[in-house]
Amino acid sequence: MQLPEDQIRAGHIPADLYRQIPPGTDLRRVVIVQQAPRSYKGPIVLTLVITAGSVAVLLVIAFVVQVVAAAAVAVLSATGGLSYTINRATKHKPK
């Protein structure tokens, strides 16, 4: 038995706990309660959910900005306040 947890599981009472038991106590009725080991599953899942949510919010914001910009260009071009054209330059070969 290397670890104190092994001793407790085997029914042995470690010396530091044995000294804390009041005299005259029936040791067969002593129950030692250990704290459960910490689980990291919850914080990891929470981090992944927050990250995925942040990415989703950024994608929605980017999509909304694109739609608003396209609508603004469409409205301004329809009213004559702005024109947006794409010119494709053609290459002329010298003769």
Protein backbone atom coordinates (compact mmCIF):
# COMPACT_ATOMS: atom_id res chain seq x y z
CA MET A 1 0.00 0.00 0.00
CA GLN A 2 1.75 3.09 -1.23
CA LEU A 3 -0.91 5.78 -1.10
CA PRO A 4 -3.06 6.93 1.84
CA GLU A 5 -6.14 6.25 -0.30
CA ASP A 6 -5.08 2.59 -0.51
CA GLN A 7 -4.77 2.43 3.26
CA ILE A 8 -8.22 3.92 3.79
CA ARG A 9 -9.77 1.55 1.25
CA ALA A 10 -8.13 -1.38 3.04
CA GLY A 11 -9.62 -0.29 6.36
CA HIS A 12 -6.42 1.10 7.90
CA ILE A 13 -6.53 4.44 9.65
CA PRO A 14 -3.50 6.65 8.91
CA ALA A 15 -1.53 7.85 11.94
CA ASP A 16 -2.39 11.53 11.49
CA LEU A 17 -6.13 10.69 11.47
CA TYR A 18 -5.71 8.18 14.29
CA ARG A 19 -4.40 10.92 16.59
CA GLN A 20 -7.50 13.05 15.91
CA ILE A 21 -9.94 10.34 17.05
CA PRO A 22 -11.10 10.91 20.66
CA PRO A 23 -10.06 8.26 23.20
CA GLY A 24 -12.60 5.52 23.82
CA THR A 25 -14.01 5.62 20.28
CA ASP A 26 -14.88 2.27 18.71
CA LEU A 27 -12.60 2.21 15.65
CA ARG A 28 -14.86 -0.31 13.91
CA ARG A 29 -17.51 2.42 13.67
CA VAL A 30 -15.21 5.14 12.34
CA VAL A 31 -15.99 6.23 8.77
CA ILE A 32 -13.44 8.28 6.85
CA VAL A 33 -14.92 10.42 4.11
CA GLN A 34 -12.69 11.54 1.27
CA GLN A 35 -13.31 14.41 -1.11
CA ALA A 36 -14.08 13.23 -4.64
CA PRO A 37 -11.39 13.94 -7.25
CA ARG A 38 -12.01 17.05 -9.32
CA SER A 39 -13.63 16.51 -12.68
CA TYR A 40 -12.47 18.75 -15.53
CA LYS A 41 -15.21 17.66 -17.95
CA GLY A 42 -17.55 20.54 -17.04
CA PRO A 43 -15.05 23.40 -17.50
CA ILE A 44 -13.77 21.90 -20.78
CA VAL A 45 -17.29 21.56 -22.20
CA LEU A 46 -18.12 25.08 -21.04
CA THR A 47 -15.02 26.45 -22.79
CA LEU A 48 -15.91 24.65 -26.02
CA VAL A 49 -19.51 25.92 -25.89
CA ILE A 50 -18.36 29.51 -25.30
CA THR A 51 -15.85 29.28 -28.16
CA ALA A 52 -18.42 27.81 -30.57
CA GLY A 53 -20.98 30.43 -29.53
CA SER A 54 -18.50 33.25 -30.09
CA VAL A 55 -17.64 31.96 -33.56
CA ALA A 56 -21.35 31.64 -34.41
CA VAL A 57 -22.05 35.21 -33.23
CA LEU A 58 -19.14 36.56 -35.29
CA LEU A 59 -20.37 34.73 -38.39
CA VAL A 60 -23.89 36.12 -37.93
CA ILE A 61 -22.52 39.65 -37.46
CA ALA A 62 -20.39 39.31 -40.62
CA PHE A 63 -23.41 38.08 -42.60
CA VAL A 64 -25.63 40.91 -41.33
CA VAL A 65 -22.98 43.53 -42.17
CA GLN A 66 -22.68 42.09 -45.68
CA VAL A 67 -26.46 42.17 -46.20
CA VAL A 68 -26.74 45.74 -44.88
CA ALA A 69 -23.87 46.90 -47.10
CA ALA A 70 -25.43 45.27 -50.17
CA ALA A 71 -28.81 46.81 -49.37
CA ALA A 72 -27.23 50.25 -48.89
CA VAL A 73 -25.45 50.02 -52.25
CA ALA A 74 -28.68 48.88 -53.92
CA VAL A 75 -30.71 51.74 -52.43
CA LEU A 76 -28.12 54.37 -53.23
CA SER A 77 -27.65 53.15 -56.78
CA ALA A 78 -31.43 53.05 -57.33
CA THR A 79 -31.79 56.65 -56.18
CA GLY A 80 -28.92 57.78 -58.38
CA GLY A 81 -26.73 58.77 -55.49
CA LEU A 82 -24.13 56.11 -56.12
CA SER A 83 -23.16 53.94 -59.00
CA TYR A 84 -21.06 50.87 -58.65
CA THR A 85 -19.54 49.31 -61.73
CA ILE A 86 -16.99 46.65 -62.33
CA ASN A 87 -14.70 47.36 -65.26
CA ARG A 88 -12.73 44.49 -66.67
CA ALA A 89 -9.64 45.74 -68.36
CA THR A 90 -8.92 44.06 -71.67
CA LYS A 91 -5.39 43.64 -72.86
CA HIS A 92 -4.74 44.92 -76.37
CA LYS A 93 -1.96 43.29 -78.30
CA PRO A 94 0.33 45.76 -80.07
CA LYS A 95 0.25 45.45 -83.86
